[in-house]
Amino acid sequence: MPVLRIPTPLRAYTNGQSDVTVSGSNISEALADLTNQYPALKPHLFSEGGDLRPFVNLFVGENNIKDLQGVDTPIQGDQKIMLIPSIAGG
């Protein structure tokens, strides 16, 4: 099953887990499984309207899903998915 890597700032919402095994055939299904397992994570990833927040970046291998098929990007097997929030400063 695919594994989603959780960044340090969000691990407080996954009981400290850095890697979470998820099910699904695409990113959307994997994120639904992730937020079913850890509901407190959902508002940090999705807007109230259910859209993925713009500062949330997801990579399948080395490819940003924004350059692929977005949340419809297929995943399979033991593929690694990395969740990387954008960092802003000023």
PDB file of N, CA and C in Angstrom:
ATOM      1  N   MET A   1       0.838  -1.189   0.000  1.00  0.00           N
ATOM      2  CA  MET A   1       0.000   0.000   0.000  1.00  0.00           C
ATOM      3  C   MET A   1       0.880   1.249   0.000  1.00  0.00           C
ATOM      4  N   PRO A   2       0.399   2.319  -0.604  1.00  0.00           N
ATOM      5  CA  PRO A   2       1.177   3.561  -0.623  1.00  0.00           C
ATOM      6  C   PRO A   2       1.407   4.113   0.787  1.00  0.00           C
ATOM      7  N   VAL A   3       2.513   4.828   0.922  1.00  0.00           N
ATOM      8  CA  VAL A   3       2.873   5.448   2.200  1.00  0.00           C
ATOM      9  C   VAL A   3       2.965   6.948   1.995  1.00  0.00           C
ATOM     10  N   LEU A   4       2.286   7.695   2.851  1.00  0.00           N
ATOM     11  CA  LEU A   4       2.300   9.146   2.783  1.00  0.00           C
ATOM     12  C   LEU A   4       3.204   9.673   3.889  1.00  0.00           C
ATOM     13  N   ARG A   5       4.214  10.444   3.505  1.00  0.00           N
ATOM     14  CA  ARG A   5       5.180  11.020   4.447  1.00  0.00           C
ATOM     15  C   ARG A   5       4.616  12.325   4.994  1.00  0.00           C
ATOM     16  N   ILE A   6       4.538  12.416   6.316  1.00  0.00           N
ATOM     17  CA  ILE A   6       3.962  13.578   6.992  1.00  0.00           C
ATOM     18  C   ILE A   6       5.088  14.493   7.476  1.00  0.00           C
ATOM     19  N   PRO A   7       5.051  15.788   7.151  1.00  0.00           N
ATOM     20  CA  PRO A   7       6.096  16.701   7.620  1.00  0.00           C
ATOM     21  C   PRO A   7       5.978  16.947   9.129  1.00  0.00           C
ATOM     22  N   THR A   8       7.083  17.297   9.735  1.00  0.00           N
ATOM     23  CA  THR A   8       7.147  17.491  11.188  1.00  0.00           C
ATOM     24  C   THR A   8       6.044  18.391  11.735  1.00  0.00           C
ATOM     25  N   PRO A   9       5.745  19.556  11.131  1.00  0.00           N
ATOM     26  CA  PRO A   9       4.716  20.423  11.722  1.00  0.00           C
ATOM     27  C   PRO A   9       3.318  19.790  11.787  1.00  0.00           C
ATOM     28  N   LEU A  10       3.055  18.795  10.947  1.00  0.00           N
ATOM     29  CA  LEU A  10       1.725  18.183  10.921  1.00  0.00           C
ATOM     30  C   LEU A  10       1.648  16.871  11.698  1.00  0.00           C
ATOM     31  N   ARG A  11       2.765  16.404  12.213  1.00  0.00           N
ATOM     32  CA  ARG A  11       2.773  15.127  12.937  1.00  0.00           C
ATOM     33  C   ARG A  11       2.006  15.182  14.245  1.00  0.00           C
ATOM     34  N   ALA A  12       1.771  16.372  14.764  1.00  0.00           N
ATOM     35  CA  ALA A  12       0.950  16.505  15.974  1.00  0.00           C
ATOM     36  C   ALA A  12      -0.468  15.999  15.710  1.00  0.00           C
ATOM     37  N   TYR A  13      -0.888  15.993  14.450  1.00  0.00           N
ATOM     38  CA  TYR A  13      -2.237  15.560  14.084  1.00  0.00           C
ATOM     39  C   TYR A  13      -2.285  14.096  13.652  1.00  0.00           C
ATOM     40  N   THR A  14      -1.108  13.435  13.597  1.00  0.00           N
ATOM     41  CA  THR A  14      -1.047  12.016  13.222  1.00  0.00           C
ATOM     42  C   THR A  14      -0.442  11.186  14.347  1.00  0.00           C
ATOM     43  N   ASN A  15      -0.615  11.653  15.579  1.00  0.00           N
ATOM     44  CA  ASN A  15      -0.069  10.952  16.754  1.00  0.00           C
ATOM     45  C   ASN A  15       1.433  10.722  16.634  1.00  0.00           C
ATOM     46  N   GLY A  16       2.123  11.683  16.005  1.00  0.00           N
ATOM     47  CA  GLY A  16       3.567  11.611  15.881  1.00  0.00           C
ATOM     48  C   GLY A  16       4.062  10.748  14.739  1.00  0.00           C
ATOM     49  N   GLN A  17       3.154  10.180  13.962  1.00  0.00           N
ATOM     50  CA  GLN A  17       3.555   9.303  12.857  1.00  0.00           C
ATOM     51  C   GLN A  17       4.172  10.118  11.722  1.00  0.00           C
ATOM     52  N   SER A  18       5.335   9.676  11.250  1.00  0.00           N
ATOM     53  CA  SER A  18       5.971  10.347  10.120  1.00  0.00           C
ATOM     54  C   SER A  18       5.574   9.712   8.792  1.00  0.00           C
ATOM     55  N   ASP A  19       5.227   8.443   8.818  1.00  0.00           N
ATOM     56  CA  ASP A  19       4.792   7.719   7.625  1.00  0.00           C
ATOM     57  C   ASP A  19       3.454   7.061   7.922  1.00  0.00           C
ATOM     58  N   VAL A  20       2.485   7.307   7.068  1.00  0.00           N
ATOM     59  CA  VAL A  20       1.150   6.742   7.250  1.00  0.00           C
ATOM     60  C   VAL A  20       0.806   5.927   6.002  1.00  0.00           C
ATOM     61  N   THR A  21       0.461   4.677   6.205  1.00  0.00           N
ATOM     62  CA  THR A  21       0.019   3.830   5.106  1.00  0.00           C
ATOM     63  C   THR A  21      -1.412   4.215   4.753  1.00  0.00           C
ATOM     64  N   VAL A  22      -1.641   4.433   3.459  1.00  0.00           N
ATOM     65  CA  VAL A  22      -2.959   4.857   2.992  1.00  0.00           C
ATOM     66  C   VAL A  22      -3.436   3.916   1.891  1.00  0.00           C
ATOM     67  N   SER A  23      -4.736   3.902   1.694  1.00  0.00           N
ATOM     68  CA  SER A  23      -5.291   3.119   0.594  1.00  0.00           C
ATOM     69  C   SER A  23      -5.902   4.077  -0.415  1.00  0.00           C
ATOM     70  N   GLY A  24      -6.056   3.580  -1.623  1.00  0.00           N
ATOM     71  CA  GLY A  24      -6.650   4.382  -2.682  1.00  0.00           C
ATOM     72  C   GLY A  24      -5.902   4.187  -3.980  1.00  0.00           C
ATOM     73  N   SER A  25      -6.582   4.476  -5.071  1.00  0.00           N
ATOM     74  CA  SER A  25      -5.956   4.322  -6.383  1.00  0.00           C
ATOM     75  C   SER A  25      -5.440   5.645  -6.935  1.00  0.00           C
ATOM     76  N   ASN A  26      -5.759   6.757  -6.232  1.00  0.00           N
ATOM     77  CA  ASN A  26      -5.241   8.057  -6.652  1.00  0.00           C
ATOM     78  C   ASN A  26      -5.026   8.933  -5.414  1.00  0.00           C
ATOM     79  N   ILE A  27      -4.470  10.105  -5.622  1.00  0.00           N
ATOM     80  CA  ILE A  27      -4.151  11.006  -4.508  1.00  0.00           C
ATOM     81  C   ILE A  27      -5.407  11.398  -3.737  1.00  0.00           C
ATOM     82  N   SER A  28      -6.488  11.678  -4.417  1.00  0.00           N
ATOM     83  CA  SER A  28      -7.727  12.069  -3.749  1.00  0.00           C
ATOM     84  C   SER A  28      -8.192  10.988  -2.774  1.00  0.00           C
ATOM     85  N   GLU A  29      -8.186   9.740  -3.209  1.00  0.00           N
ATOM     86  CA  GLU A  29      -8.610   8.637  -2.343  1.00  0.00           C
ATOM     87  C   GLU A  29      -7.632   8.435  -1.186  1.00  0.00           C
ATOM     88  N   ALA A  30      -6.344   8.610  -1.456  1.00  0.00           N
ATOM     89  CA  ALA A  30      -5.335   8.470  -0.401  1.00  0.00           C
ATOM     90  C   ALA A  30      -5.515   9.546   0.664  1.00  0.00           C
ATOM     91  N   LEU A  31      -5.801  10.781   0.234  1.00  0.00           N
ATOM     92  CA  LEU A  31      -6.026  11.860   1.195  1.00  0.00           C
ATOM     93  C   LEU A  31      -7.309  11.639   1.990  1.00  0.00           C
ATOM     94  N   ALA A  32      -8.332  11.098   1.341  1.00  0.00           N
ATOM     95  CA  ALA A  32      -9.574  10.780   2.057  1.00  0.00           C
ATOM     96  C   ALA A  32      -9.300   9.731   3.130  1.00  0.00           C
ATOM     97  N   ASP A  33      -8.496   8.724   2.797  1.00  0.00           N
ATOM     98  CA  ASP A  33      -8.151   7.698   3.780  1.00  0.00           C
ATOM     99  C   ASP A  33      -7.326   8.303   4.914  1.00  0.00           C
ATOM    100  N   LEU A  34      -6.375   9.157   4.566  1.00  0.00           N
ATOM    101  CA  LEU A  34      -5.545   9.817   5.580  1.00  0.00           C
ATOM    102  C   LEU A  34      -6.405  10.613   6.555  1.00  0.00           C
ATOM    103  N   THR A  35      -7.330  11.403   6.030  1.00  0.00           N
ATOM    104  CA  THR A  35      -8.147  12.236   6.915  1.00  0.00           C
ATOM    105  C   THR A  35      -9.228  11.426   7.640  1.00  0.00           C
ATOM    106  N   ASN A  36      -9.558  10.247   7.140  1.00  0.00           N
ATOM    107  CA  ASN A  36     -10.431   9.349   7.905  1.00  0.00           C
ATOM    108  C   ASN A  36      -9.677   8.775   9.096  1.00  0.00           C
ATOM    109  N   GLN A  37      -8.399   8.464   8.886  1.00  0.00           N
ATOM    110  CA  GLN A  37      -7.571   7.943   9.971  1.00  0.00           C
ATOM    111  C   GLN A  37      -7.255   9.028  10.995  1.00  0.00           C
ATOM    112  N   TYR A  38      -7.034  10.250  10.513  1.00  0.00           N
ATOM    113  CA  TYR A  38      -6.629  11.372  11.369  1.00  0.00           C
ATOM    114  C   TYR A  38      -7.485  12.597  11.041  1.00  0.00           C
ATOM    115  N   PRO A  39      -8.727  12.639  11.521  1.00  0.00           N
ATOM    116  CA  PRO A  39      -9.651  13.730  11.179  1.00  0.00           C
ATOM    117  C   PRO A  39      -9.146  15.127  11.537  1.00  0.00           C
ATOM    118  N   ALA A  40      -8.332  15.256  12.570  1.00  0.00           N
ATOM    119  CA  ALA A  40      -7.832  16.577  12.973  1.00  0.00           C
ATOM    120  C   ALA A  40      -6.907  17.179  11.922  1.00  0.00           C
ATOM    121  N   LEU A  41      -6.421  16.363  11.006  1.00  0.00           N
ATOM    122  CA  LEU A  41      -5.525  16.833   9.951  1.00  0.00           C
ATOM    123  C   LEU A  41      -6.289  17.529   8.816  1.00  0.00           C
ATOM    124  N   LYS A  42      -7.548  17.181   8.645  1.00  0.00           N
ATOM    125  CA  LYS A  42      -8.325  17.655   7.492  1.00  0.00           C
ATOM    126  C   LYS A  42      -8.325  19.172   7.313  1.00  0.00           C
ATOM    127  N   PRO A  43      -8.593  19.984   8.350  1.00  0.00           N
ATOM    128  CA  PRO A  43      -8.623  21.437   8.116  1.00  0.00           C
ATOM    129  C   PRO A  43      -7.260  22.029   7.760  1.00  0.00           C
ATOM    130  N   HIS A  44      -6.207  21.299   7.992  1.00  0.00           N
ATOM    131  CA  HIS A  44      -4.872  21.779   7.638  1.00  0.00           C
ATOM    132  C   HIS A  44      -4.537  21.479   6.178  1.00  0.00           C
ATOM    133  N   LEU A  45      -5.294  20.584   5.578  1.00  0.00           N
ATOM    134  CA  LEU A  45      -5.049  20.204   4.191  1.00  0.00           C
ATOM    135  C   LEU A  45      -6.097  20.747   3.228  1.00  0.00           C
ATOM    136  N   PHE A  46      -7.338  20.887   3.726  1.00  0.00           N
ATOM    137  CA  PHE A  46      -8.453  21.255   2.855  1.00  0.00           C
ATOM    138  C   PHE A  46      -9.154  22.519   3.337  1.00  0.00           C
ATOM    139  N   SER A  47      -9.656  23.289   2.372  1.00  0.00           N
ATOM    140  CA  SER A  47     -10.470  24.466   2.695  1.00  0.00           C
ATOM    141  C   SER A  47     -11.845  23.993   3.163  1.00  0.00           C
ATOM    142  N   GLU A  48     -12.648  24.926   3.675  1.00  0.00           N
ATOM    143  CA  GLU A  48     -14.011  24.583   4.095  1.00  0.00           C
ATOM    144  C   GLU A  48     -14.836  24.060   2.926  1.00  0.00           C
ATOM    145  N   GLY A  49     -14.485  24.482   1.724  1.00  0.00           N
ATOM    146  CA  GLY A  49     -15.177  24.014   0.524  1.00  0.00           C
ATOM    147  C   GLY A  49     -14.711  22.653   0.042  1.00  0.00           C
ATOM    148  N   GLY A  50     -13.696  22.093   0.700  1.00  0.00           N
ATOM    149  CA  GLY A  50     -13.216  20.763   0.346  1.00  0.00           C
ATOM    150  C   GLY A  50     -12.074  20.734  -0.649  1.00  0.00           C
ATOM    151  N   ASP A  51     -11.575  21.916  -1.035  1.00  0.00           N
ATOM    152  CA  ASP A  51     -10.456  21.966  -1.982  1.00  0.00           C
ATOM    153  C   ASP A  51      -9.132  21.850  -1.241  1.00  0.00           C
ATOM    154  N   LEU A  52      -8.165  21.218  -1.880  1.00  0.00           N
ATOM    155  CA  LEU A  52      -6.827  21.137  -1.319  1.00  0.00           C
ATOM    156  C   LEU A  52      -6.278  22.553  -1.185  1.00  0.00           C
ATOM    157  N   ARG A  53      -5.770  22.878  -0.022  1.00  0.00           N
ATOM    158  CA  ARG A  53      -5.246  24.232   0.206  1.00  0.00           C
ATOM    159  C   ARG A  53      -4.065  24.490  -0.738  1.00  0.00           C
ATOM    160  N   PRO A  54      -3.934  25.723  -1.243  1.00  0.00           N
ATOM    161  CA  PRO A  54      -2.895  26.021  -2.232  1.00  0.00           C
ATOM    162  C   PRO A  54      -1.473  25.854  -1.713  1.00  0.00           C
ATOM    163  N   PHE A  55      -1.264  25.950  -0.406  1.00  0.00           N
ATOM    164  CA  PHE A  55       0.090  25.815   0.131  1.00  0.00           C
ATOM    165  C   PHE A  55       0.473  24.362   0.404  1.00  0.00           C
ATOM    166  N   VAL A  56      -0.430  23.435   0.122  1.00  0.00           N
ATOM    167  CA  VAL A  56      -0.141  22.011   0.311  1.00  0.00           C
ATOM    168  C   VAL A  56       0.408  21.454  -0.998  1.00  0.00           C
ATOM    169  N   ASN A  57       1.628  20.960  -0.947  1.00  0.00           N
ATOM    170  CA  ASN A  57       2.261  20.357  -2.112  1.00  0.00           C
ATOM    171  C   ASN A  57       2.413  18.867  -1.874  1.00  0.00           C
ATOM    172  N   LEU A  58       2.049  18.083  -2.868  1.00  0.00           N
ATOM    173  CA  LEU A  58       2.161  16.633  -2.782  1.00  0.00           C
ATOM    174  C   LEU A  58       3.021  16.141  -3.932  1.00  0.00           C
ATOM    175  N   PHE A  59       3.924  15.252  -3.611  1.00  0.00           N
ATOM    176  CA  PHE A  59       4.825  14.688  -4.597  1.00  0.00           C
ATOM    177  C   PHE A  59       4.666  13.177  -4.633  1.00  0.00           C
ATOM    178  N   VAL A  60       4.578  12.632  -5.831  1.00  0.00           N
ATOM    179  CA  VAL A  60       4.613  11.192  -6.037  1.00  0.00           C
ATOM    180  C   VAL A  60       5.977  10.929  -6.651  1.00  0.00           C
ATOM    181  N   GLY A  61       6.825  10.258  -5.900  1.00  0.00           N
ATOM    182  CA  GLY A  61       8.219  10.164  -6.314  1.00  0.00           C
ATOM    183  C   GLY A  61       8.808  11.560  -6.262  1.00  0.00           C
ATOM    184  N   GLU A  62       9.358  12.015  -7.358  1.00  0.00           N
ATOM    185  CA  GLU A  62       9.938  13.361  -7.413  1.00  0.00           C
ATOM    186  C   GLU A  62       9.035  14.341  -8.153  1.00  0.00           C
ATOM    187  N   ASN A  63       7.833  13.915  -8.498  1.00  0.00           N
ATOM    188  CA  ASN A  63       6.939  14.729  -9.318  1.00  0.00           C
ATOM    189  C   ASN A  63       5.833  15.371  -8.495  1.00  0.00           C
ATOM    190  N   ASN A  64       5.712  16.691  -8.618  1.00  0.00           N
ATOM    191  CA  ASN A  64       4.627  17.423  -7.973  1.00  0.00           C
ATOM    192  C   ASN A  64       3.328  17.047  -8.677  1.00  0.00           C
ATOM    193  N   ILE A  65       2.294  16.714  -7.897  1.00  0.00           N
ATOM    194  CA  ILE A  65       1.034  16.318  -8.531  1.00  0.00           C
ATOM    195  C   ILE A  65       0.441  17.447  -9.362  1.00  0.00           C
ATOM    196  N   LYS A  66       0.827  18.691  -9.082  1.00  0.00           N
ATOM    197  CA  LYS A  66       0.337  19.826  -9.870  1.00  0.00           C
ATOM    198  C   LYS A  66       0.843  19.743 -11.306  1.00  0.00           C
ATOM    199  N   ASP A  67       1.977  19.041 -11.515  1.00  0.00           N
ATOM    200  CA  ASP A  67       2.533  18.848 -12.851  1.00  0.00           C
ATOM    201  C   ASP A  67       2.027  17.560 -13.492  1.00  0.00           C
ATOM    202  N   LEU A  68       1.254  16.782 -12.749  1.00  0.00           N
ATOM    203  CA  LEU A  68       0.714  15.521 -13.246  1.00  0.00           C
ATOM    204  C   LEU A  68      -0.794  15.691 -13.451  1.00  0.00           C
ATOM    205  N   GLN A  69      -1.591  14.926 -12.746  1.00  0.00           N
ATOM    206  CA  GLN A  69      -3.046  14.987 -12.896  1.00  0.00           C
ATOM    207  C   GLN A  69      -3.732  15.519 -11.644  1.00  0.00           C
ATOM    208  N   GLY A  70      -2.987  16.303 -10.851  1.00  0.00           N
ATOM    209  CA  GLY A  70      -3.552  16.856  -9.624  1.00  0.00           C
ATOM    210  C   GLY A  70      -3.960  15.753  -8.670  1.00  0.00           C
ATOM    211  N   VAL A  71      -5.086  15.935  -7.985  1.00  0.00           N
ATOM    212  CA  VAL A  71      -5.532  14.921  -7.020  1.00  0.00           C
ATOM    213  C   VAL A  71      -6.005  13.646  -7.708  1.00  0.00           C
ATOM    214  N   ASP A  72      -6.144  13.673  -9.033  1.00  0.00           N
ATOM    215  CA  ASP A  72      -6.504  12.466  -9.784  1.00  0.00           C
ATOM    216  C   ASP A  72      -5.277  11.652 -10.186  1.00  0.00           C
ATOM    217  N   THR A  73      -4.091  12.095  -9.786  1.00  0.00           N
ATOM    218  CA  THR A  73      -2.860  11.369 -10.100  1.00  0.00           C
ATOM    219  C   THR A  73      -2.938   9.959  -9.534  1.00  0.00           C
ATOM    220  N   PRO A  74      -2.760   8.938 -10.387  1.00  0.00           N
ATOM    221  CA  PRO A  74      -2.838   7.564  -9.889  1.00  0.00           C
ATOM    222  C   PRO A  74      -1.650   7.204  -9.001  1.00  0.00           C
ATOM    223  N   ILE A  75      -1.909   6.335  -8.038  1.00  0.00           N
ATOM    224  CA  ILE A  75      -0.859   5.789  -7.180  1.00  0.00           C
ATOM    225  C   ILE A  75      -1.056   4.283  -7.124  1.00  0.00           C
ATOM    226  N   GLN A  76       0.026   3.584  -6.796  1.00  0.00           N
ATOM    227  CA  GLN A  76      -0.072   2.131  -6.759  1.00  0.00           C
ATOM    228  C   GLN A  76       0.991   1.532  -5.854  1.00  0.00           C
ATOM    229  N   GLY A  77       0.782   0.289  -5.498  1.00  0.00           N
ATOM    230  CA  GLY A  77       1.770  -0.478  -4.755  1.00  0.00           C
ATOM    231  C   GLY A  77       2.274   0.208  -3.510  1.00  0.00           C
ATOM    232  N   ASP A  78       3.584   0.196  -3.370  1.00  0.00           N
ATOM    233  CA  ASP A  78       4.216   0.792  -2.184  1.00  0.00           C
ATOM    234  C   ASP A  78       4.796   2.167  -2.504  1.00  0.00           C
ATOM    235  N   GLN A  79       4.156   2.866  -3.409  1.00  0.00           N
ATOM    236  CA  GLN A  79       4.616   4.190  -3.829  1.00  0.00           C
ATOM    237  C   GLN A  79       4.684   5.151  -2.644  1.00  0.00           C
ATOM    238  N   LYS A  80       5.694   6.012  -2.655  1.00  0.00           N
ATOM    239  CA  LYS A  80       5.869   7.026  -1.614  1.00  0.00           C
ATOM    240  C   LYS A  80       5.236   8.333  -2.076  1.00  0.00           C
ATOM    241  N   ILE A  81       4.467   8.934  -1.174  1.00  0.00           N
ATOM    242  CA  ILE A  81       3.843  10.228  -1.428  1.00  0.00           C
ATOM    243  C   ILE A  81       4.370  11.171  -0.359  1.00  0.00           C
ATOM    244  N   MET A  82       4.883  12.313  -0.778  1.00  0.00           N
ATOM    245  CA  MET A  82       5.411  13.277   0.184  1.00  0.00           C
ATOM    246  C   MET A  82       4.491  14.486   0.258  1.00  0.00           C
ATOM    247  N   LEU A  83       4.148  14.855   1.471  1.00  0.00           N
ATOM    248  CA  LEU A  83       3.339  16.038   1.749  1.00  0.00           C
ATOM    249  C   LEU A  83       4.293  17.122   2.226  1.00  0.00           C
ATOM    250  N   ILE A  84       4.367  18.213   1.456  1.00  0.00           N
ATOM    251  CA  ILE A  84       5.301  19.287   1.788  1.00  0.00           C
ATOM    252  C   ILE A  84       4.546  20.612   1.779  1.00  0.00           C
ATOM    253  N   PRO A  85       4.304  21.184   2.963  1.00  0.00           N
ATOM    254  CA  PRO A  85       3.632  22.484   2.993  1.00  0.00           C
ATOM    255  C   PRO A  85       4.598  23.586   2.564  1.00  0.00           C
ATOM    256  N   SER A  86       4.074  24.567   1.841  1.00  0.00           N
ATOM    257  CA  SER A  86       4.893  25.725   1.466  1.00  0.00           C
ATOM    258  C   SER A  86       5.224  26.520   2.714  1.00  0.00           C
ATOM    259  N   ILE A  87       6.375  27.136   2.692  1.00  0.00           N
ATOM    260  CA  ILE A  87       6.796  27.972   3.811  1.00  0.00           C
ATOM    261  C   ILE A  87       6.866  29.404   3.312  1.00  0.00           C
ATOM    262  N   ALA A  88       6.214  30.282   4.034  1.00  0.00           N
ATOM    263  CA  ALA A  88       6.211  31.693   3.662  1.00  0.00           C
ATOM    264  C   ALA A  88       6.914  32.487   4.746  1.00  0.00           C
ATOM    265  N   GLY A  89       7.489  33.544   4.344  1.00  0.00           N
ATOM    266  CA  GLY A  89       8.154  34.406   5.318  1.00  0.00           C
ATOM    267  C   GLY A  89       8.241  35.811   4.774  1.00  0.00           C
ATOM    268  N   GLY A  90       8.733  36.659   5.585  1.00  0.00           N
ATOM    269  CA  GLY A  90       8.815  38.007   5.059  1.00  0.00           C
ATOM    270  C   GLY A  90       9.569  38.923   5.964  1.00  0.00           C
TER     271      GLY A  90
END
